[in-house]
């Protein structure tokens, strides 16, 4: 009889110990679920950060990469600002960006406001992107789409200014985000 009581006491003790261990496992499980949720929110934040400079349109001419990253309009100032990244792929270069203009869906032509735009004579280092802003003023009717962004680029090597290349670039169908 004492053996049966001893065995049943050991079994009951094991059951109670297993029950308390199960509570610890449940607590660890809820902690892990909350950690996974915080990691997911951080991951979403990092994905949004990576999308900041994601190009809307991209073009490559003369081993220069041109990316349009943002097109923002301001309703109160009646301006449109186009943000772009320009990168030299092969060697260090001097660029001259000229004749910057946009055409909206109504056929209106707007020239860049060079006083509010970035420097149009950038010096590019190899594989280092440079951010440039082009500003256009006196925009009529707040267009939602820019049909064409057009500009001319003259590039020369920093080491040899006699070798020059000229190219015309066009970006089509740029959606404007109005503030």
N, C-alpha and C. Protein backbone atom coordinates (compact mmCIF):
# COMPACT_ATOMS: atom_id res chain seq x y z
N UNK A 1 0.82 -1.17 0.00
CA UNK A 1 0.00 0.00 0.00
C UNK A 1 0.87 1.25 0.00
N UNK A 2 1.96 1.23 0.79
CA UNK A 2 2.85 2.37 0.83
C UNK A 2 3.50 2.60 -0.53
N UNK A 3 3.77 1.50 -1.25
CA UNK A 3 4.36 1.64 -2.58
C UNK A 3 3.40 2.35 -3.52
N UNK A 4 2.10 2.00 -3.45
CA UNK A 4 1.10 2.63 -4.31
C UNK A 4 0.95 4.10 -3.99
N UNK A 5 0.97 4.44 -2.73
CA UNK A 5 0.84 5.85 -2.33
C UNK A 5 2.08 6.62 -2.77
N UNK A 6 3.26 6.03 -2.61
CA UNK A 6 4.50 6.68 -3.02
C UNK A 6 4.53 6.88 -4.53
N UNK A 7 4.11 5.89 -5.29
CA UNK A 7 4.10 6.00 -6.75
C UNK A 7 3.09 7.05 -7.19
N UNK A 8 1.88 7.05 -6.58
CA UNK A 8 0.89 8.04 -6.97
C UNK A 8 1.33 9.44 -6.54
N UNK A 9 2.03 9.59 -5.45
CA UNK A 9 2.54 10.91 -5.03
C UNK A 9 3.59 11.40 -6.02
N UNK A 10 4.45 10.50 -6.47
CA UNK A 10 5.46 10.87 -7.46
C UNK A 10 4.80 11.26 -8.77
N UNK A 11 3.78 10.52 -9.20
CA UNK A 11 3.08 10.84 -10.44
C UNK A 11 2.35 12.18 -10.35
N UNK A 12 1.66 12.42 -9.20
CA UNK A 12 0.97 13.69 -9.02
C UNK A 12 1.96 14.86 -8.99
N UNK A 13 3.09 14.65 -8.36
CA UNK A 13 4.13 15.70 -8.32
C UNK A 13 4.63 15.99 -9.73
N UNK A 14 4.79 14.93 -10.52
CA UNK A 14 5.22 15.11 -11.92
C UNK A 14 4.19 15.87 -12.73
N UNK A 15 2.90 15.57 -12.51
CA UNK A 15 1.82 16.26 -13.22
C UNK A 15 1.81 17.74 -12.85
N UNK A 16 1.90 18.05 -11.54
CA UNK A 16 1.90 19.45 -11.12
C UNK A 16 3.13 20.19 -11.65
N UNK A 17 4.27 19.53 -11.65
CA UNK A 17 5.49 20.15 -12.18
C UNK A 17 5.34 20.40 -13.69
N UNK A 18 4.76 19.43 -14.41
CA UNK A 18 4.55 19.59 -15.85
C UNK A 18 3.58 20.73 -16.12
N UNK A 19 2.57 20.89 -15.27
CA UNK A 19 1.59 21.97 -15.43
C UNK A 19 2.27 23.33 -15.24
N UNK A 20 3.13 23.47 -14.27
CA UNK A 20 3.83 24.74 -14.04
C UNK A 20 4.82 25.01 -15.17
N UNK A 21 5.45 23.96 -15.68
CA UNK A 21 6.35 24.11 -16.81
C UNK A 21 5.58 24.52 -18.06
N UNK A 22 4.34 24.07 -18.23
CA UNK A 22 3.50 24.45 -19.36
C UNK A 22 3.16 25.94 -19.27
N UNK A 23 2.93 26.45 -18.07
CA UNK A 23 2.67 27.88 -17.91
C UNK A 23 3.89 28.70 -18.32
N UNK A 24 5.08 28.21 -18.00
CA UNK A 24 6.31 28.90 -18.41
C UNK A 24 6.45 28.91 -19.94
N UNK A 25 6.10 27.79 -20.56
CA UNK A 25 6.17 27.71 -22.02
C UNK A 25 5.17 28.65 -22.66
N UNK A 26 3.95 28.75 -22.09
CA UNK A 26 2.95 29.67 -22.60
C UNK A 26 3.43 31.12 -22.48
N UNK A 27 4.05 31.46 -21.37
CA UNK A 27 4.57 32.81 -21.17
C UNK A 27 5.69 33.12 -22.17
N UNK A 28 6.58 32.17 -22.39
CA UNK A 28 7.63 32.36 -23.38
C UNK A 28 7.04 32.50 -24.78
N UNK A 29 5.99 31.75 -25.08
CA UNK A 29 5.34 31.83 -26.39
C UNK A 29 4.74 33.22 -26.61
N UNK A 30 4.05 33.77 -25.63
CA UNK A 30 3.47 35.11 -25.78
C UNK A 30 4.57 36.16 -25.92
N UNK A 31 5.68 36.00 -25.19
CA UNK A 31 6.81 36.93 -25.33
C UNK A 31 7.40 36.87 -26.73
N UNK A 32 7.54 35.67 -27.27
CA UNK A 32 8.07 35.51 -28.63
C UNK A 32 7.13 36.11 -29.67
N UNK A 33 5.83 35.95 -29.47
CA UNK A 33 4.86 36.54 -30.40
C UNK A 33 4.96 38.07 -30.40
N UNK A 34 5.11 38.66 -29.23
CA UNK A 34 5.23 40.13 -29.17
C UNK A 34 6.54 40.59 -29.80
N UNK A 35 7.63 39.85 -29.60
CA UNK A 35 8.89 40.20 -30.24
C UNK A 35 8.80 40.10 -31.76
N UNK A 36 8.12 39.07 -32.25
CA UNK A 36 7.94 38.91 -33.69
C UNK A 36 7.14 40.08 -34.26
N UNK A 37 6.12 40.52 -33.53
CA UNK A 37 5.31 41.64 -33.99
C UNK A 37 6.13 42.93 -34.05
N UNK A 38 6.99 43.18 -33.06
CA UNK A 38 7.83 44.38 -33.10
C UNK A 38 8.84 44.31 -34.24
N UNK A 39 9.37 43.12 -34.50
CA UNK A 39 10.31 42.96 -35.61
C UNK A 39 9.60 43.20 -36.94
N UNK A 40 8.36 42.76 -37.07
CA UNK A 40 7.60 43.00 -38.30
C UNK A 40 7.37 44.49 -38.52
N UNK A 41 7.04 45.23 -37.47
CA UNK A 41 6.83 46.68 -37.63
C UNK A 41 8.14 47.38 -37.97
N UNK A 42 9.25 46.95 -37.36
CA UNK A 42 10.55 47.53 -37.72
C UNK A 42 10.90 47.20 -39.16
N UNK A 43 10.59 45.99 -39.59
CA UNK A 43 10.86 45.57 -40.97
C UNK A 43 10.05 46.42 -41.95
N UNK A 44 8.78 46.69 -41.64
CA UNK A 44 7.96 47.54 -42.50
C UNK A 44 8.55 48.94 -42.58
N UNK A 45 9.03 49.45 -41.43
CA UNK A 45 9.65 50.78 -41.41
C UNK A 45 10.89 50.80 -42.31
N UNK A 46 11.73 49.78 -42.22
CA UNK A 46 12.94 49.73 -43.03
C UNK A 46 12.61 49.60 -44.52
N UNK A 47 11.55 48.88 -44.85
CA UNK A 47 11.14 48.78 -46.25
C UNK A 47 10.73 50.15 -46.77
N UNK A 48 10.01 50.92 -45.95
CA UNK A 48 9.60 52.26 -46.37
C UNK A 48 10.81 53.17 -46.54
N UNK A 49 11.80 53.03 -45.66
CA UNK A 49 13.02 53.83 -45.77
C UNK A 49 13.75 53.52 -47.06
N UNK A 50 13.80 52.27 -47.44
CA UNK A 50 14.48 51.89 -48.67
C UNK A 50 13.75 52.41 -49.91
N UNK A 51 12.44 52.62 -49.79
CA UNK A 51 11.67 53.10 -50.93
C UNK A 51 11.78 54.61 -51.12
N UNK A 52 12.46 55.31 -50.23
CA UNK A 52 12.54 56.77 -50.34
C UNK A 52 13.21 57.18 -51.64
N UNK A 53 14.32 56.61 -51.96
CA UNK A 53 15.04 56.98 -53.18
C UNK A 53 14.81 55.99 -54.31
N UNK A 54 13.74 55.25 -54.24
CA UNK A 54 13.41 54.35 -55.35
C UNK A 54 13.02 55.19 -56.56
N UNK A 55 13.62 54.92 -57.70
CA UNK A 55 13.35 55.76 -58.86
C UNK A 55 11.96 55.53 -59.46
N UNK A 56 11.36 56.64 -59.89
CA UNK A 56 10.11 56.55 -60.64
C UNK A 56 10.44 56.16 -62.08
N UNK A 57 11.41 56.87 -62.65
CA UNK A 57 11.91 56.57 -63.99
C UNK A 57 13.43 56.59 -63.95
N UNK A 58 14.04 55.84 -64.85
CA UNK A 58 15.50 55.74 -64.87
C UNK A 58 15.97 55.68 -66.32
N UNK A 59 17.11 56.32 -66.57
CA UNK A 59 17.69 56.31 -67.91
C UNK A 59 19.20 56.36 -67.80
N UNK A 60 19.89 55.78 -68.79
CA UNK A 60 21.35 55.81 -68.79
C UNK A 60 21.84 56.29 -70.14
N UNK A 61 22.70 57.31 -70.11
CA UNK A 61 23.32 57.86 -71.33
C UNK A 61 24.77 58.20 -71.01
N UNK A 62 25.67 57.88 -71.92
CA UNK A 62 27.10 58.19 -71.80
C UNK A 62 27.67 57.72 -70.46
N UNK A 63 27.30 56.54 -70.02
CA UNK A 63 27.73 55.96 -68.74
C UNK A 63 27.37 56.85 -67.55
N UNK A 64 26.29 57.60 -67.67
CA UNK A 64 25.72 58.36 -66.57
C UNK A 64 24.32 57.81 -66.33
N UNK A 65 23.98 57.58 -65.07
CA UNK A 65 22.67 57.06 -64.72
C UNK A 65 21.83 58.21 -64.17
N UNK A 66 20.66 58.44 -64.76
CA UNK A 66 19.74 59.49 -64.36
C UNK A 66 18.48 58.85 -63.80
N UNK A 67 18.13 59.18 -62.56
CA UNK A 67 16.93 58.63 -61.92
C UNK A 67 16.05 59.76 -61.41
N UNK A 68 14.78 59.73 -61.74
CA UNK A 68 13.80 60.66 -61.19
C UNK A 68 13.20 59.98 -59.96
N UNK A 69 13.34 60.60 -58.78
CA UNK A 69 12.86 59.96 -57.56
C UNK A 69 11.57 60.56 -57.02
N UNK A 70 11.32 61.86 -57.28
CA UNK A 70 10.14 62.47 -56.71
C UNK A 70 9.70 63.66 -57.55
N UNK A 71 8.39 63.82 -57.72
CA UNK A 71 7.82 64.96 -58.42
C UNK A 71 6.73 65.52 -57.51
N UNK A 72 6.99 66.71 -56.95
CA UNK A 72 6.09 67.29 -55.95
C UNK A 72 5.66 68.67 -56.42
N UNK A 73 4.36 68.94 -56.32
CA UNK A 73 3.82 70.25 -56.64
C UNK A 73 3.37 70.97 -55.39
N UNK A 74 3.49 72.29 -55.40
CA UNK A 74 3.04 73.11 -54.28
C UNK A 74 1.92 74.01 -54.80
N UNK A 75 0.69 73.82 -54.28
CA UNK A 75 -0.47 74.55 -54.79
C UNK A 75 -0.42 76.03 -54.45
N UNK A 76 0.12 76.38 -53.27
CA UNK A 76 0.12 77.79 -52.87
C UNK A 76 1.14 78.59 -53.67
N UNK A 77 2.33 78.02 -53.91
CA UNK A 77 3.37 78.73 -54.68
C UNK A 77 3.23 78.51 -56.18
N UNK A 78 2.38 77.56 -56.58
CA UNK A 78 2.21 77.18 -57.99
C UNK A 78 3.54 76.78 -58.62
N UNK A 79 4.23 75.87 -57.91
CA UNK A 79 5.52 75.38 -58.40
C UNK A 79 5.52 73.85 -58.42
N UNK A 80 6.39 73.30 -59.24
CA UNK A 80 6.66 71.86 -59.27
C UNK A 80 8.15 71.68 -59.08
N UNK A 81 8.52 70.76 -58.18
CA UNK A 81 9.92 70.44 -57.95
C UNK A 81 10.16 68.98 -58.29
N UNK A 82 11.14 68.74 -59.14
CA UNK A 82 11.51 67.39 -59.55
C UNK A 82 12.85 67.06 -58.92
N UNK A 83 12.89 65.95 -58.17
CA UNK A 83 14.12 65.51 -57.51
C UNK A 83 14.70 64.35 -58.31
N UNK A 84 16.00 64.44 -58.59
CA UNK A 84 16.65 63.39 -59.37
C UNK A 84 17.99 63.03 -58.76
N UNK A 85 18.44 61.83 -59.05
CA UNK A 85 19.77 61.36 -58.67
C UNK A 85 20.55 61.12 -59.95
N UNK A 86 21.77 61.67 -59.99
CA UNK A 86 22.63 61.49 -61.16
C UNK A 86 23.91 60.83 -60.68
N UNK A 87 24.35 59.82 -61.43
CA UNK A 87 25.50 59.03 -61.01
C UNK A 87 26.39 58.72 -62.21
N UNK A 88 27.69 58.94 -62.06
CA UNK A 88 28.66 58.57 -63.10
C UNK A 88 29.05 57.12 -62.89
N UNK A 89 28.99 56.33 -63.94
CA UNK A 89 29.28 54.90 -63.82
C UNK A 89 30.75 54.55 -63.99
N UNK A 90 31.47 55.29 -64.82
CA UNK A 90 32.82 54.86 -65.14
C UNK A 90 33.91 55.71 -64.48
N UNK A 91 33.98 57.00 -64.75
CA UNK A 91 35.04 57.86 -64.21
C UNK A 91 34.43 59.16 -63.71
N UNK A 92 35.25 59.95 -62.99
CA UNK A 92 34.81 61.24 -62.49
C UNK A 92 34.54 62.19 -63.65
N UNK A 93 33.42 62.92 -63.56
CA UNK A 93 33.01 63.77 -64.68
C UNK A 93 32.52 65.13 -64.20
N UNK A 94 32.59 66.08 -65.12
CA UNK A 94 31.94 67.38 -64.96
C UNK A 94 30.75 67.40 -65.91
N UNK A 95 29.60 67.81 -65.39
CA UNK A 95 28.39 67.87 -66.21
C UNK A 95 27.91 69.30 -66.32
N UNK A 96 27.27 69.58 -67.42
CA UNK A 96 26.55 70.84 -67.61
C UNK A 96 25.15 70.45 -68.06
N UNK A 97 24.15 70.80 -67.25
CA UNK A 97 22.76 70.48 -67.57
C UNK A 97 22.10 71.75 -68.07
N UNK A 98 21.56 71.70 -69.29
CA UNK A 98 21.01 72.89 -69.94
C UNK A 98 19.60 72.61 -70.43
N UNK A 99 18.90 73.70 -70.74
CA UNK A 99 17.59 73.66 -71.39
C UNK A 99 16.62 72.72 -70.68
N UNK A 100 16.48 72.90 -69.38
CA UNK A 100 15.60 72.06 -68.59
C UNK A 100 14.17 72.58 -68.75
N UNK A 101 13.27 71.71 -69.22
CA UNK A 101 11.90 72.14 -69.42
C UNK A 101 10.95 70.97 -69.23
N UNK A 102 9.69 71.31 -68.91
CA UNK A 102 8.64 70.30 -68.81
C UNK A 102 7.46 70.75 -69.66
N UNK A 103 6.68 69.76 -70.08
CA UNK A 103 5.45 70.01 -70.81
C UNK A 103 4.35 69.23 -70.11
N UNK A 104 3.25 69.93 -69.76
CA UNK A 104 2.14 69.25 -69.10
C UNK A 104 1.15 68.71 -70.13
N UNK A 105 0.08 68.10 -69.66
CA UNK A 105 -0.90 67.49 -70.57
C UNK A 105 -1.60 68.51 -71.44
N UNK A 106 -1.71 69.75 -70.95
CA UNK A 106 -2.35 70.80 -71.74
C UNK A 106 -1.45 71.37 -72.80
N UNK A 107 -0.20 70.96 -72.87
CA UNK A 107 0.74 71.46 -73.86
C UNK A 107 1.50 72.68 -73.41
N UNK A 108 1.36 73.08 -72.13
CA UNK A 108 2.08 74.24 -71.61
C UNK A 108 3.55 73.87 -71.40
N UNK A 109 4.44 74.75 -71.84
CA UNK A 109 5.88 74.56 -71.68
C UNK A 109 6.35 75.42 -70.53
N UNK A 110 7.11 74.83 -69.59
CA UNK A 110 7.66 75.55 -68.45
C UNK A 110 9.17 75.35 -68.43
N UNK A 111 9.90 76.44 -68.31
CA UNK A 111 11.36 76.39 -68.19
C UNK A 111 11.72 76.31 -66.71
N UNK A 112 12.86 75.76 -66.39
CA UNK A 112 13.30 75.63 -65.01
C UNK A 112 13.66 76.99 -64.43
N UNK A 113 13.29 77.17 -63.16
CA UNK A 113 13.67 78.36 -62.42
C UNK A 113 15.06 78.09 -61.83
N UNK A 114 16.09 78.60 -62.47
CA UNK A 114 17.47 78.27 -62.09
C UNK A 114 17.86 78.87 -60.74
N UNK A 115 17.12 79.89 -60.26
CA UNK A 115 17.43 80.46 -58.95
C UNK A 115 17.00 79.53 -57.82
N UNK A 116 15.96 78.74 -58.03
CA UNK A 116 15.47 77.82 -57.01
C UNK A 116 15.91 76.39 -57.25
N UNK A 117 16.51 76.12 -58.38
CA UNK A 117 16.97 74.77 -58.69
C UNK A 117 18.37 74.55 -58.14
N UNK A 118 18.80 73.31 -58.17
CA UNK A 118 20.16 72.96 -57.74
C UNK A 118 21.17 73.46 -58.76
N UNK A 119 22.43 73.31 -58.41
CA UNK A 119 23.51 73.66 -59.31
C UNK A 119 23.42 72.82 -60.58
N UNK A 120 23.41 73.47 -61.72
CA UNK A 120 23.31 72.73 -62.98
C UNK A 120 24.68 72.40 -63.56
N UNK A 121 25.74 72.59 -62.75
CA UNK A 121 27.11 72.23 -63.16
C UNK A 121 27.69 71.26 -62.12
N UNK A 122 27.09 70.09 -61.95
CA UNK A 122 27.59 69.18 -60.91
C UNK A 122 28.89 68.50 -61.32
N UNK A 123 29.69 68.18 -60.32
CA UNK A 123 30.89 67.38 -60.50
C UNK A 123 30.61 66.01 -59.90
N UNK A 124 30.62 65.00 -60.74
CA UNK A 124 30.26 63.65 -60.31
C UNK A 124 31.50 62.82 -60.02
N UNK A 125 31.43 62.10 -58.91
CA UNK A 125 32.45 61.11 -58.60
C UNK A 125 31.93 59.74 -59.01
N UNK A 126 32.83 58.83 -59.26
CA UNK A 126 32.45 57.51 -59.74
C UNK A 126 31.57 56.79 -58.73
N UNK A 127 30.43 56.29 -59.17
CA UNK A 127 29.45 55.50 -58.42
C UNK A 127 28.96 56.19 -57.14
N UNK A 128 28.98 57.51 -57.09
CA UNK A 128 28.43 58.25 -55.96
C UNK A 128 27.29 59.12 -56.51
N UNK A 129 26.05 58.81 -56.16
CA UNK A 129 24.93 59.58 -56.72
C UNK A 129 24.87 60.99 -56.13
N UNK A 130 24.45 61.93 -56.95
CA UNK A 130 24.28 63.31 -56.52
C UNK A 130 22.81 63.68 -56.71
N UNK A 131 22.24 64.27 -55.67
CA UNK A 131 20.83 64.65 -55.72
C UNK A 131 20.70 66.07 -56.26
N UNK A 132 19.83 66.23 -57.25
CA UNK A 132 19.57 67.54 -57.85
C UNK A 132 18.08 67.81 -57.83
N UNK A 133 17.72 69.09 -57.64
CA UNK A 133 16.33 69.52 -57.66
C UNK A 133 16.14 70.50 -58.81
N UNK A 134 15.10 70.29 -59.58
CA UNK A 134 14.74 71.22 -60.64
C UNK A 134 13.38 71.81 -60.28
N UNK A 135 13.30 73.13 -60.22
CA UNK A 135 12.08 73.80 -59.82
C UNK A 135 11.48 74.56 -61.00
N UNK A 136 10.17 74.49 -61.12
CA UNK A 136 9.44 75.16 -62.19
C UNK A 136 8.35 76.01 -61.55
N UNK A 137 8.21 77.26 -62.00
CA UNK A 137 7.26 78.17 -61.35
C UNK A 137 6.13 78.56 -62.30
N UNK A 138 5.12 79.21 -61.72
CA UNK A 138 3.94 79.71 -62.45
C UNK A 138 3.21 78.58 -63.19
N UNK A 139 2.97 77.50 -62.49
CA UNK A 139 2.28 76.34 -63.07
C UNK A 139 0.77 76.64 -63.14
N UNK A 140 0.17 76.34 -64.26
CA UNK A 140 -1.25 76.62 -64.49
C UNK A 140 -2.07 75.35 -64.29
N UNK A 141 -3.17 75.44 -63.58
CA UNK A 141 -4.19 74.38 -63.44
C UNK A 141 -3.74 73.13 -62.69
N UNK A 142 -2.66 73.16 -61.97
CA UNK A 142 -2.21 72.02 -61.16
C UNK A 142 -2.31 70.68 -61.90
N UNK A 143 -1.50 70.47 -62.92
CA UNK A 143 -1.59 69.22 -63.69
C UNK A 143 -1.19 68.01 -62.84
N UNK A 144 -1.88 66.91 -63.04
CA UNK A 144 -1.58 65.68 -62.32
C UNK A 144 -0.51 64.85 -63.00
N UNK A 145 -0.18 65.20 -64.23
CA UNK A 145 0.79 64.43 -64.99
C UNK A 145 1.64 65.37 -65.83
N UNK A 146 2.94 65.17 -65.77
CA UNK A 146 3.86 65.90 -66.65
C UNK A 146 4.16 64.95 -67.80
N UNK A 147 3.86 65.42 -69.00
CA UNK A 147 4.02 64.57 -70.16
C UNK A 147 5.49 64.34 -70.49
N UNK A 148 6.31 65.42 -70.47
CA UNK A 148 7.72 65.28 -70.84
C UNK A 148 8.58 66.17 -69.93
N UNK A 149 9.66 65.60 -69.42
CA UNK A 149 10.75 66.36 -68.81
C UNK A 149 11.93 66.21 -69.76
N UNK A 150 12.46 67.33 -70.22
CA UNK A 150 13.51 67.30 -71.24
C UNK A 150 14.67 68.17 -70.79
N UNK A 151 15.90 67.68 -70.97
CA UNK A 151 17.08 68.50 -70.73
C UNK A 151 18.26 67.96 -71.53
N UNK A 152 19.27 68.81 -71.69
CA UNK A 152 20.48 68.48 -72.44
C UNK A 152 21.63 68.37 -71.45
N UNK A 153 22.46 67.36 -71.62
CA UNK A 153 23.61 67.14 -70.74
C UNK A 153 24.88 67.13 -71.57
N UNK A 154 25.83 68.00 -71.17
CA UNK A 154 27.17 67.99 -71.75
C UNK A 154 28.10 67.47 -70.67
N UNK A 155 28.80 66.39 -70.95
CA UNK A 155 29.69 65.81 -69.94
C UNK A 155 31.11 65.75 -70.48
N UNK A 156 32.05 65.99 -69.56
CA UNK A 156 33.47 65.89 -69.89
C UNK A 156 34.18 65.25 -68.70
N UNK A 157 35.27 64.59 -68.99
CA UNK A 157 36.06 63.96 -67.93
C UNK A 157 36.79 65.03 -67.13
N UNK A 158 36.95 64.79 -65.84
CA UNK A 158 37.71 65.73 -65.01
C UNK A 158 39.17 65.75 -65.41
N UNK A 159 39.68 64.60 -65.81
CA UNK A 159 41.10 64.51 -66.15
C UNK A 159 41.40 65.07 -67.54
N UNK A 160 40.41 65.00 -68.45
CA UNK A 160 40.63 65.46 -69.81
C UNK A 160 39.38 66.22 -70.27
N UNK A 161 39.43 67.54 -70.22
CA UNK A 161 38.24 68.34 -70.54
C UNK A 161 38.00 68.46 -72.04
N UNK A 162 38.91 67.96 -72.86
CA UNK A 162 38.72 68.06 -74.30
C UNK A 162 37.81 66.97 -74.85
N UNK A 163 37.65 65.87 -74.13
CA UNK A 163 36.73 64.82 -74.57
C UNK A 163 35.36 65.11 -73.98
N UNK A 164 34.46 65.53 -74.83
CA UNK A 164 33.12 65.89 -74.38
C UNK A 164 32.10 65.03 -75.09
N UNK A 165 30.99 64.84 -74.43
CA UNK A 165 29.87 64.14 -75.06
C UNK A 165 28.60 64.90 -74.73
N UNK A 166 27.72 64.97 -75.69
CA UNK A 166 26.45 65.67 -75.55
C UNK A 166 25.32 64.67 -75.70
N UNK A 167 24.30 64.81 -74.87
CA UNK A 167 23.14 63.92 -74.99
C UNK A 167 21.89 64.66 -74.55
N UNK A 168 20.79 64.31 -75.18
CA UNK A 168 19.49 64.85 -74.84
C UNK A 168 18.72 63.76 -74.10
N UNK A 169 18.09 64.14 -72.99
CA UNK A 169 17.34 63.17 -72.20
C UNK A 169 15.89 63.59 -72.12
N UNK A 170 15.02 62.60 -72.15
CA UNK A 170 13.58 62.83 -71.99
C UNK A 170 13.02 61.79 -71.03
N UNK A 171 12.21 62.26 -70.11
CA UNK A 171 11.45 61.38 -69.23
C UNK A 171 9.99 61.67 -69.48
N UNK A 172 9.21 60.62 -69.64
CA UNK A 172 7.79 60.79 -69.99
C UNK A 172 6.88 60.30 -68.88
N UNK A 173 5.71 60.94 -68.81
CA UNK A 173 4.61 60.54 -67.94
C UNK A 173 5.01 60.49 -66.46
N UNK A 174 5.33 61.64 -65.91
CA UNK A 174 5.68 61.77 -64.50
C UNK A 174 4.44 62.20 -63.72
N UNK A 175 4.05 61.43 -62.74
CA UNK A 175 2.89 61.74 -61.92
C UNK A 175 3.29 62.77 -60.85
N UNK A 176 2.49 63.83 -60.71
CA UNK A 176 2.78 64.91 -59.76
C UNK A 176 1.98 64.69 -58.49
N UNK A 177 2.66 64.77 -57.34
CA UNK A 177 2.00 64.71 -56.04
C UNK A 177 1.87 66.14 -55.53
N UNK A 178 0.62 66.62 -55.38
CA UNK A 178 0.39 68.00 -54.97
C UNK A 178 0.22 68.10 -53.48
N UNK A 179 0.86 69.12 -52.89
CA UNK A 179 0.74 69.40 -51.45
C UNK A 179 -0.07 70.67 -51.26
